[in-house]
Amino acid sequence: MTVYRSRHALDGPLTPERIVAVPIPLARRGRRGYRVDEVDALLHRLAYELRVRSRERDEARAENRRIKDALRRWQSAEASRRLERVL
C-alpha cells in the first residue's frame, strides 16, 4: 500500500477524532477565514484516505464472499458424500 505524502500531511491514519482536532490556521491579518492552501491540502488528504479505506473495505468484502462461497461448496460436497455413504 502506498503512503500519502505531502508537506501538509498529518502523521498516521486519519480518524474522526483527529479530523475534528486538525488545527487549520487562520488567514493572515486583514483577511478573514482559513488559509486556502491548508484547507485544500486537508481535503486532498481526506479524499485520499477515503479512497484507500474504501478500496480496502471492498477487498475485504470480496474476500469474505470468496470464503463464504468456498465454505458453501465444501458443505454441499460434504453433505453429498455423507448421503452417498448412508445409501
PDB file of N, CA and C in Angstrom:
ATOM      1  N   MET A   1       0.843  -1.167   0.000  1.00  0.00           N
ATOM      2  CA  MET A   1       0.000   0.000   0.000  1.00  0.00           C
ATOM      3  C   MET A   1       0.891   1.234   0.000  1.00  0.00           C
ATOM      4  N   THR A   2       0.527   2.212  -0.780  1.00  0.00           N
ATOM      5  CA  THR A   2       1.306   3.441  -0.824  1.00  0.00           C
ATOM      6  C   THR A   2       0.909   4.345   0.328  1.00  0.00           C
ATOM      7  N   VAL A   3       1.800   5.230   0.664  1.00  0.00           N
ATOM      8  CA  VAL A   3       1.554   6.159   1.759  1.00  0.00           C
ATOM      9  C   VAL A   3       1.459   7.560   1.188  1.00  0.00           C
ATOM     10  N   TYR A   4       0.441   8.269   1.588  1.00  0.00           N
ATOM     11  CA  TYR A   4       0.247   9.635   1.121  1.00  0.00           C
ATOM     12  C   TYR A   4       1.316  10.526   1.733  1.00  0.00           C
ATOM     13  N   ARG A   5       1.938  11.324   0.907  1.00  0.00           N
ATOM     14  CA  ARG A   5       2.967  12.255   1.387  1.00  0.00           C
ATOM     15  C   ARG A   5       2.634  13.657   0.900  1.00  0.00           C
ATOM     16  N   SER A   6       2.761  14.606   1.780  1.00  0.00           N
ATOM     17  CA  SER A   6       2.520  15.999   1.440  1.00  0.00           C
ATOM     18  C   SER A   6       3.199  16.842   2.501  1.00  0.00           C
ATOM     19  N   ARG A   7       3.499  18.047   2.159  1.00  0.00           N
ATOM     20  CA  ARG A   7       4.129  18.906   3.176  1.00  0.00           C
ATOM     21  C   ARG A   7       3.129  19.284   4.256  1.00  0.00           C
ATOM     22  N   HIS A   8       1.828  19.076   3.984  1.00  0.00           N
ATOM     23  CA  HIS A   8       0.794  19.390   4.962  1.00  0.00           C
ATOM     24  C   HIS A   8       0.223  18.146   5.632  1.00  0.00           C
ATOM     25  N   ALA A   9       0.772  16.971   5.327  1.00  0.00           N
ATOM     26  CA  ALA A   9       0.184  15.714   5.793  1.00  0.00           C
ATOM     27  C   ALA A   9       0.319  15.553   7.301  1.00  0.00           C
ATOM     28  N   LEU A  10      -0.679  14.932   7.861  1.00  0.00           N
ATOM     29  CA  LEU A  10      -0.640  14.551   9.268  1.00  0.00           C
ATOM     30  C   LEU A  10       0.034  13.192   9.361  1.00  0.00           C
ATOM     31  N   ASP A  11       0.611  12.896  10.504  1.00  0.00           N
ATOM     32  CA  ASP A  11       1.224  11.584  10.694  1.00  0.00           C
ATOM     33  C   ASP A  11       0.149  10.559  11.007  1.00  0.00           C
ATOM     34  N   GLY A  12       0.281   9.370  10.452  1.00  0.00           N
ATOM     35  CA  GLY A  12      -0.630   8.276  10.754  1.00  0.00           C
ATOM     36  C   GLY A  12      -1.973   8.408  10.075  1.00  0.00           C
ATOM     37  N   PRO A  13      -2.800   7.386  10.224  1.00  0.00           N
ATOM     38  CA  PRO A  13      -4.119   7.400   9.573  1.00  0.00           C
ATOM     39  C   PRO A  13      -5.051   8.406  10.230  1.00  0.00           C
ATOM     40  N   LEU A  14      -5.958   8.912   9.424  1.00  0.00           N
ATOM     41  CA  LEU A  14      -6.926   9.862   9.956  1.00  0.00           C
ATOM     42  C   LEU A  14      -8.069   9.115  10.630  1.00  0.00           C
ATOM     43  N   THR A  15      -8.499   9.625  11.750  1.00  0.00           N
ATOM     44  CA  THR A  15      -9.676   9.113  12.447  1.00  0.00           C
ATOM     45  C   THR A  15     -10.642  10.269  12.585  1.00  0.00           C
ATOM     46  N   PRO A  16     -11.919   9.989  12.847  1.00  0.00           N
ATOM     47  CA  PRO A  16     -12.853  11.104  13.041  1.00  0.00           C
ATOM     48  C   PRO A  16     -12.388  12.079  14.127  1.00  0.00           C
ATOM     49  N   GLU A  17     -11.830  11.535  15.187  1.00  0.00           N
ATOM     50  CA  GLU A  17     -11.362  12.404  16.282  1.00  0.00           C
ATOM     51  C   GLU A  17     -10.219  13.305  15.824  1.00  0.00           C
ATOM     52  N   ARG A  18      -9.305  12.750  15.027  1.00  0.00           N
ATOM     53  CA  ARG A  18      -8.176  13.552  14.548  1.00  0.00           C
ATOM     54  C   ARG A  18      -8.634  14.600  13.551  1.00  0.00           C
ATOM     55  N   ILE A  19      -9.634  14.244  12.717  1.00  0.00           N
ATOM     56  CA  ILE A  19     -10.131  15.211  11.741  1.00  0.00           C
ATOM     57  C   ILE A  19     -10.734  16.407  12.455  1.00  0.00           C
ATOM     58  N   VAL A  20     -11.523  16.143  13.491  1.00  0.00           N
ATOM     59  CA  VAL A  20     -12.143  17.234  14.251  1.00  0.00           C
ATOM     60  C   VAL A  20     -11.078  18.097  14.921  1.00  0.00           C
ATOM     61  N   ALA A  21      -9.986  17.476  15.344  1.00  0.00           N
ATOM     62  CA  ALA A  21      -8.949  18.197  16.080  1.00  0.00           C
ATOM     63  C   ALA A  21      -7.900  18.864  15.188  1.00  0.00           C
ATOM     64  N   VAL A  22      -7.998  18.713  13.861  1.00  0.00           N
ATOM     65  CA  VAL A  22      -6.986  19.287  12.965  1.00  0.00           C
ATOM     66  C   VAL A  22      -7.003  20.810  13.097  1.00  0.00           C
ATOM     67  N   PRO A  23      -5.859  21.380  13.424  1.00  0.00           N
ATOM     68  CA  PRO A  23      -5.796  22.845  13.504  1.00  0.00           C
ATOM     69  C   PRO A  23      -5.599  23.440  12.107  1.00  0.00           C
ATOM     70  N   ILE A  24      -6.589  24.151  11.627  1.00  0.00           N
ATOM     71  CA  ILE A  24      -6.462  24.818  10.325  1.00  0.00           C
ATOM     72  C   ILE A  24      -6.147  26.275  10.618  1.00  0.00           C
ATOM     73  N   PRO A  25      -4.959  26.722  10.205  1.00  0.00           N
ATOM     74  CA  PRO A  25      -4.551  28.085  10.527  1.00  0.00           C
ATOM     75  C   PRO A  25      -5.459  29.133   9.869  1.00  0.00           C
ATOM     76  N   LEU A  26      -5.711  30.194  10.600  1.00  0.00           N
ATOM     77  CA  LEU A  26      -6.481  31.298  10.044  1.00  0.00           C
ATOM     78  C   LEU A  26      -5.617  32.086   9.067  1.00  0.00           C
ATOM     79  N   ALA A  27      -6.271  32.804   8.192  1.00  0.00           N
ATOM     80  CA  ALA A  27      -5.561  33.621   7.211  1.00  0.00           C
ATOM     81  C   ALA A  27      -4.801  34.746   7.924  1.00  0.00           C
ATOM     82  N   ARG A  28      -3.906  35.358   7.175  1.00  0.00           N
ATOM     83  CA  ARG A  28      -3.128  36.467   7.734  1.00  0.00           C
ATOM     84  C   ARG A  28      -4.049  37.623   8.138  1.00  0.00           C
ATOM     85  N   ARG A  29      -3.510  38.511   8.881  1.00  0.00           N
ATOM     86  CA  ARG A  29      -4.289  39.689   9.296  1.00  0.00           C
ATOM     87  C   ARG A  29      -4.793  40.444   8.079  1.00  0.00           C
ATOM     88  N   GLY A  30      -5.958  40.959   8.196  1.00  0.00           N
ATOM     89  CA  GLY A  30      -6.538  41.696   7.089  1.00  0.00           C
ATOM     90  C   GLY A  30      -7.377  40.812   6.179  1.00  0.00           C
ATOM     91  N   ARG A  31      -7.274  39.499   6.380  1.00  0.00           N
ATOM     92  CA  ARG A  31      -8.090  38.566   5.595  1.00  0.00           C
ATOM     93  C   ARG A  31      -8.906  37.741   6.575  1.00  0.00           C
ATOM     94  N   ARG A  32     -10.065  37.324   6.135  1.00  0.00           N
ATOM     95  CA  ARG A  32     -10.925  36.548   7.015  1.00  0.00           C
ATOM     96  C   ARG A  32     -10.893  35.081   6.592  1.00  0.00           C
ATOM     97  N   GLY A  33     -11.142  34.211   7.529  1.00  0.00           N
ATOM     98  CA  GLY A  33     -11.287  32.795   7.211  1.00  0.00           C
ATOM     99  C   GLY A  33      -9.992  32.013   7.339  1.00  0.00           C
ATOM    100  N   TYR A  34      -9.978  30.862   6.689  1.00  0.00           N
ATOM    101  CA  TYR A  34      -8.847  29.952   6.745  1.00  0.00           C
ATOM    102  C   TYR A  34      -7.944  30.139   5.533  1.00  0.00           C
ATOM    103  N   ARG A  35      -6.720  29.641   5.664  1.00  0.00           N
ATOM    104  CA  ARG A  35      -5.791  29.706   4.541  1.00  0.00           C
ATOM    105  C   ARG A  35      -6.192  28.641   3.527  1.00  0.00           C
ATOM    106  N   VAL A  36      -6.417  29.063   2.316  1.00  0.00           N
ATOM    107  CA  VAL A  36      -6.935  28.189   1.269  1.00  0.00           C
ATOM    108  C   VAL A  36      -6.016  26.990   1.028  1.00  0.00           C
ATOM    109  N   ASP A  37      -4.715  27.196   0.996  1.00  0.00           N
ATOM    110  CA  ASP A  37      -3.799  26.085   0.727  1.00  0.00           C
ATOM    111  C   ASP A  37      -3.858  25.027   1.825  1.00  0.00           C
ATOM    112  N   GLU A  38      -4.041  25.433   3.072  1.00  0.00           N
ATOM    113  CA  GLU A  38      -4.142  24.486   4.182  1.00  0.00           C
ATOM    114  C   GLU A  38      -5.437  23.678   4.088  1.00  0.00           C
ATOM    115  N   VAL A  39      -6.531  24.332   3.773  1.00  0.00           N
ATOM    116  CA  VAL A  39      -7.819  23.650   3.636  1.00  0.00           C
ATOM    117  C   VAL A  39      -7.778  22.695   2.446  1.00  0.00           C
ATOM    118  N   ASP A  40      -7.239  23.143   1.326  1.00  0.00           N
ATOM    119  CA  ASP A  40      -7.126  22.279   0.147  1.00  0.00           C
ATOM    120  C   ASP A  40      -6.280  21.042   0.451  1.00  0.00           C
ATOM    121  N   ALA A  41      -5.178  21.234   1.150  1.00  0.00           N
ATOM    122  CA  ALA A  41      -4.312  20.099   1.490  1.00  0.00           C
ATOM    123  C   ALA A  41      -5.062  19.102   2.366  1.00  0.00           C
ATOM    124  N   LEU A  42      -5.812  19.589   3.330  1.00  0.00           N
ATOM    125  CA  LEU A  42      -6.578  18.706   4.197  1.00  0.00           C
ATOM    126  C   LEU A  42      -7.644  17.960   3.400  1.00  0.00           C
ATOM    127  N   LEU A  43      -8.325  18.641   2.514  1.00  0.00           N
ATOM    128  CA  LEU A  43      -9.354  17.992   1.698  1.00  0.00           C
ATOM    129  C   LEU A  43      -8.763  16.911   0.801  1.00  0.00           C
ATOM    130  N   HIS A  44      -7.594  17.178   0.225  1.00  0.00           N
ATOM    131  CA  HIS A  44      -6.929  16.172  -0.604  1.00  0.00           C
ATOM    132  C   HIS A  44      -6.530  14.958   0.227  1.00  0.00           C
ATOM    133  N   ARG A  45      -6.039  15.218   1.430  1.00  0.00           N
ATOM    134  CA  ARG A  45      -5.656  14.104   2.315  1.00  0.00           C
ATOM    135  C   ARG A  45      -6.876  13.285   2.697  1.00  0.00           C
ATOM    136  N   LEU A  46      -7.973  13.936   3.023  1.00  0.00           N
ATOM    137  CA  LEU A  46      -9.199  13.224   3.384  1.00  0.00           C
ATOM    138  C   LEU A  46      -9.700  12.377   2.213  1.00  0.00           C
ATOM    139  N   ALA A  47      -9.677  12.933   1.033  1.00  0.00           N
ATOM    140  CA  ALA A  47     -10.122  12.194  -0.151  1.00  0.00           C
ATOM    141  C   ALA A  47      -9.238  10.969  -0.382  1.00  0.00           C
ATOM    142  N   TYR A  48      -7.930  11.136  -0.231  1.00  0.00           N
ATOM    143  CA  TYR A  48      -7.004  10.022  -0.405  1.00  0.00           C
ATOM    144  C   TYR A  48      -7.294   8.919   0.612  1.00  0.00           C
ATOM    145  N   GLU A  49      -7.416   9.293   1.890  1.00  0.00           N
ATOM    146  CA  GLU A  49      -7.685   8.315   2.949  1.00  0.00           C
ATOM    147  C   GLU A  49      -8.994   7.582   2.692  1.00  0.00           C
ATOM    148  N   LEU A  50     -10.014   8.301   2.265  1.00  0.00           N
ATOM    149  CA  LEU A  50     -11.296   7.665   1.988  1.00  0.00           C
ATOM    150  C   LEU A  50     -11.185   6.682   0.828  1.00  0.00           C
ATOM    151  N   ARG A  51     -10.435   7.050  -0.210  1.00  0.00           N
ATOM    152  CA  ARG A  51     -10.229   6.138  -1.337  1.00  0.00           C
ATOM    153  C   ARG A  51      -9.528   4.861  -0.884  1.00  0.00           C
ATOM    154  N   VAL A  52      -8.480   5.008  -0.095  1.00  0.00           N
ATOM    155  CA  VAL A  52      -7.723   3.848   0.392  1.00  0.00           C
ATOM    156  C   VAL A  52      -8.618   2.955   1.241  1.00  0.00           C
ATOM    157  N   ARG A  53      -9.330   3.554   2.175  1.00  0.00           N
ATOM    158  CA  ARG A  53     -10.180   2.755   3.064  1.00  0.00           C
ATOM    159  C   ARG A  53     -11.344   2.121   2.318  1.00  0.00           C
ATOM    160  N   SER A  54     -11.885   2.814   1.344  1.00  0.00           N
ATOM    161  CA  SER A  54     -12.964   2.230   0.543  1.00  0.00           C
ATOM    162  C   SER A  54     -12.452   1.033  -0.241  1.00  0.00           C
ATOM    163  N   ARG A  55     -11.256   1.162  -0.820  1.00  0.00           N
ATOM    164  CA  ARG A  55     -10.668   0.060  -1.569  1.00  0.00           C
ATOM    165  C   ARG A  55     -10.391  -1.121  -0.640  1.00  0.00           C
ATOM    166  N   GLU A  56      -9.846  -0.857   0.544  1.00  0.00           N
ATOM    167  CA  GLU A  56      -9.572  -1.934   1.495  1.00  0.00           C
ATOM    168  C   GLU A  56     -10.869  -2.608   1.939  1.00  0.00           C
ATOM    169  N   ARG A  57     -11.912  -1.833   2.164  1.00  0.00           N
ATOM    170  CA  ARG A  57     -13.211  -2.386   2.557  1.00  0.00           C
ATOM    171  C   ARG A  57     -13.764  -3.269   1.443  1.00  0.00           C
ATOM    172  N   ASP A  58     -13.672  -2.791   0.198  1.00  0.00           N
ATOM    173  CA  ASP A  58     -14.168  -3.574  -0.938  1.00  0.00           C
ATOM    174  C   ASP A  58     -13.386  -4.872  -1.095  1.00  0.00           C
ATOM    175  N   GLU A  59     -12.079  -4.822  -0.885  1.00  0.00           N
ATOM    176  CA  GLU A  59     -11.261  -6.028  -0.979  1.00  0.00           C
ATOM    177  C   GLU A  59     -11.631  -7.015   0.131  1.00  0.00           C
ATOM    178  N   ALA A  60     -11.865  -6.502   1.335  1.00  0.00           N
ATOM    179  CA  ALA A  60     -12.251  -7.367   2.452  1.00  0.00           C
ATOM    180  C   ALA A  60     -13.611  -8.014   2.188  1.00  0.00           C
ATOM    181  N   ARG A  61     -14.539  -7.249   1.640  1.00  0.00           N
ATOM    182  CA  ARG A  61     -15.854  -7.802   1.315  1.00  0.00           C
ATOM    183  C   ARG A  61     -15.747  -8.881   0.236  1.00  0.00           C
ATOM    184  N   ALA A  62     -14.923  -8.645  -0.780  1.00  0.00           N
ATOM    185  CA  ALA A  62     -14.739  -9.633  -1.841  1.00  0.00           C
ATOM    186  C   ALA A  62     -14.120 -10.916  -1.270  1.00  0.00           C
ATOM    187  N   GLU A  63     -13.141 -10.780  -0.397  1.00  0.00           N
ATOM    188  CA  GLU A  63     -12.516 -11.943   0.233  1.00  0.00           C
ATOM    189  C   GLU A  63     -13.532 -12.686   1.101  1.00  0.00           C
ATOM    190  N   ASN A  64     -14.365 -11.937   1.808  1.00  0.00           N
ATOM    191  CA  ASN A  64     -15.404 -12.534   2.632  1.00  0.00           C
ATOM    192  C   ASN A  64     -16.366 -13.356   1.768  1.00  0.00           C
ATOM    193  N   ARG A  65     -16.780 -12.787   0.639  1.00  0.00           N
ATOM    194  CA  ARG A  65     -17.669 -13.519  -0.282  1.00  0.00           C
ATOM    195  C   ARG A  65     -16.987 -14.782  -0.800  1.00  0.00           C
ATOM    196  N   ARG A  66     -15.713 -14.667  -1.167  1.00  0.00           N
ATOM    197  CA  ARG A  66     -14.979 -15.819  -1.683  1.00  0.00           C
ATOM    198  C   ARG A  66     -14.918 -16.934  -0.637  1.00  0.00           C
ATOM    199  N   ILE A  67     -14.644 -16.589   0.604  1.00  0.00           N
ATOM    200  CA  ILE A  67     -14.553 -17.588   1.677  1.00  0.00           C
ATOM    201  C   ILE A  67     -15.921 -18.213   1.934  1.00  0.00           C
ATOM    202  N   LYS A  68     -16.960 -17.384   1.977  1.00  0.00           N
ATOM    203  CA  LYS A  68     -18.305 -17.926   2.195  1.00  0.00           C
ATOM    204  C   LYS A  68     -18.719 -18.874   1.080  1.00  0.00           C
ATOM    205  N   ASP A  69     -18.426 -18.502  -0.164  1.00  0.00           N
ATOM    206  CA  ASP A  69     -18.757 -19.373  -1.294  1.00  0.00           C
ATOM    207  C   ASP A  69     -17.995 -20.694  -1.210  1.00  0.00           C
ATOM    208  N   ALA A  70     -16.724 -20.628  -0.870  1.00  0.00           N
ATOM    209  CA  ALA A  70     -15.922 -21.845  -0.740  1.00  0.00           C
ATOM    210  C   ALA A  70     -16.477 -22.731   0.377  1.00  0.00           C
ATOM    211  N   LEU A  71     -16.875 -22.125   1.486  1.00  0.00           N
ATOM    212  CA  LEU A  71     -17.439 -22.889   2.596  1.00  0.00           C
ATOM    213  C   LEU A  71     -18.756 -23.550   2.185  1.00  0.00           C
ATOM    214  N   ARG A  72     -19.596 -22.822   1.461  1.00  0.00           N
ATOM    215  CA  ARG A  72     -20.863 -23.415   0.992  1.00  0.00           C
ATOM    216  C   ARG A  72     -20.618 -24.591   0.059  1.00  0.00           C
ATOM    217  N   ARG A  73     -19.661 -24.426  -0.862  1.00  0.00           N
ATOM    218  CA  ARG A  73     -19.341 -25.523  -1.785  1.00  0.00           C
ATOM    219  C   ARG A  73     -18.836 -26.738  -1.010  1.00  0.00           C
ATOM    220  N   TRP A  74     -17.981 -26.519  -0.034  1.00  0.00           N
ATOM    221  CA  TRP A  74     -17.437 -27.611   0.762  1.00  0.00           C
ATOM    222  C   TRP A  74     -18.552 -28.295   1.548  1.00  0.00           C
ATOM    223  N   GLN A  75     -19.429 -27.485   2.168  1.00  0.00           N
ATOM    224  CA  GLN A  75     -20.530 -28.066   2.941  1.00  0.00           C
ATOM    225  C   GLN A  75     -21.451 -28.898   2.045  1.00  0.00           C
ATOM    226  N   SER A  76     -21.741 -28.410   0.853  1.00  0.00           N
ATOM    227  CA  SER A  76     -22.597 -29.159  -0.082  1.00  0.00           C
ATOM    228  C   SER A  76     -21.924 -30.460  -0.495  1.00  0.00           C
ATOM    229  N   ALA A  77     -20.644 -30.393  -0.813  1.00  0.00           N
ATOM    230  CA  ALA A  77     -19.914 -31.601  -1.213  1.00  0.00           C
ATOM    231  C   ALA A  77     -19.851 -32.597  -0.060  1.00  0.00           C
ATOM    232  N   GLU A  78     -19.607 -32.101   1.138  1.00  0.00           N
ATOM    233  CA  GLU A  78     -19.532 -32.971   2.309  1.00  0.00           C
ATOM    234  C   GLU A  78     -20.883 -33.614   2.596  1.00  0.00           C
ATOM    235  N   ALA A  79     -21.968 -32.875   2.466  1.00  0.00           N
ATOM    236  CA  ALA A  79     -23.306 -33.423   2.676  1.00  0.00           C
ATOM    237  C   ALA A  79     -23.603 -34.497   1.634  1.00  0.00           C
ATOM    238  N   SER A  80     -23.191 -34.261   0.390  1.00  0.00           N
ATOM    239  CA  SER A  80     -23.395 -35.264  -0.667  1.00  0.00           C
ATOM    240  C   SER A  80     -22.610 -36.537  -0.366  1.00  0.00           C
ATOM    241  N   ARG A  81     -21.367 -36.404   0.092  1.00  0.00           N
ATOM    242  CA  ARG A  81     -20.546 -37.568   0.430  1.00  0.00           C
ATOM    243  C   ARG A  81     -21.182 -38.366   1.567  1.00  0.00           C
ATOM    244  N   ARG A  82     -21.673 -37.667   2.585  1.00  0.00           N
ATOM    245  CA  ARG A  82     -22.321 -38.360   3.707  1.00  0.00           C
ATOM    246  C   ARG A  82     -23.579 -39.086   3.267  1.00  0.00           C
ATOM    247  N   LEU A  83     -24.335 -38.448   2.382  1.00  0.00           N
ATOM    248  CA  LEU A  83     -25.559 -39.066   1.880  1.00  0.00           C
ATOM    249  C   LEU A  83     -25.241 -40.316   1.065  1.00  0.00           C
ATOM    250  N   GLU A  84     -24.175 -40.261   0.270  1.00  0.00           N
ATOM    251  CA  GLU A  84     -23.777 -41.416  -0.529  1.00  0.00           C
ATOM    252  C   GLU A  84     -23.353 -42.579   0.374  1.00  0.00           C
ATOM    253  N   ARG A  85     -22.698 -42.297   1.486  1.00  0.00           N
ATOM    254  CA  ARG A  85     -22.270 -43.343   2.418  1.00  0.00           C
ATOM    255  C   ARG A  85     -23.464 -44.038   3.046  1.00  0.00           C
ATOM    256  N   VAL A  86     -24.502 -43.237   3.356  1.00  0.00           N
ATOM    257  CA  VAL A  86     -25.687 -43.782   4.005  1.00  0.00           C
ATOM    258  C   VAL A  86     -26.451 -44.680   3.034  1.00  0.00           C
ATOM    259  N   LEU A  87     -26.528 -44.284   1.783  1.00  0.00           N
ATOM    260  CA  LEU A  87     -27.280 -45.061   0.785  1.00  0.00           C
ATOM    261  C   LEU A  87     -26.424 -46.179   0.319  1.00  0.00           C
TER     262      LEU A  87
END
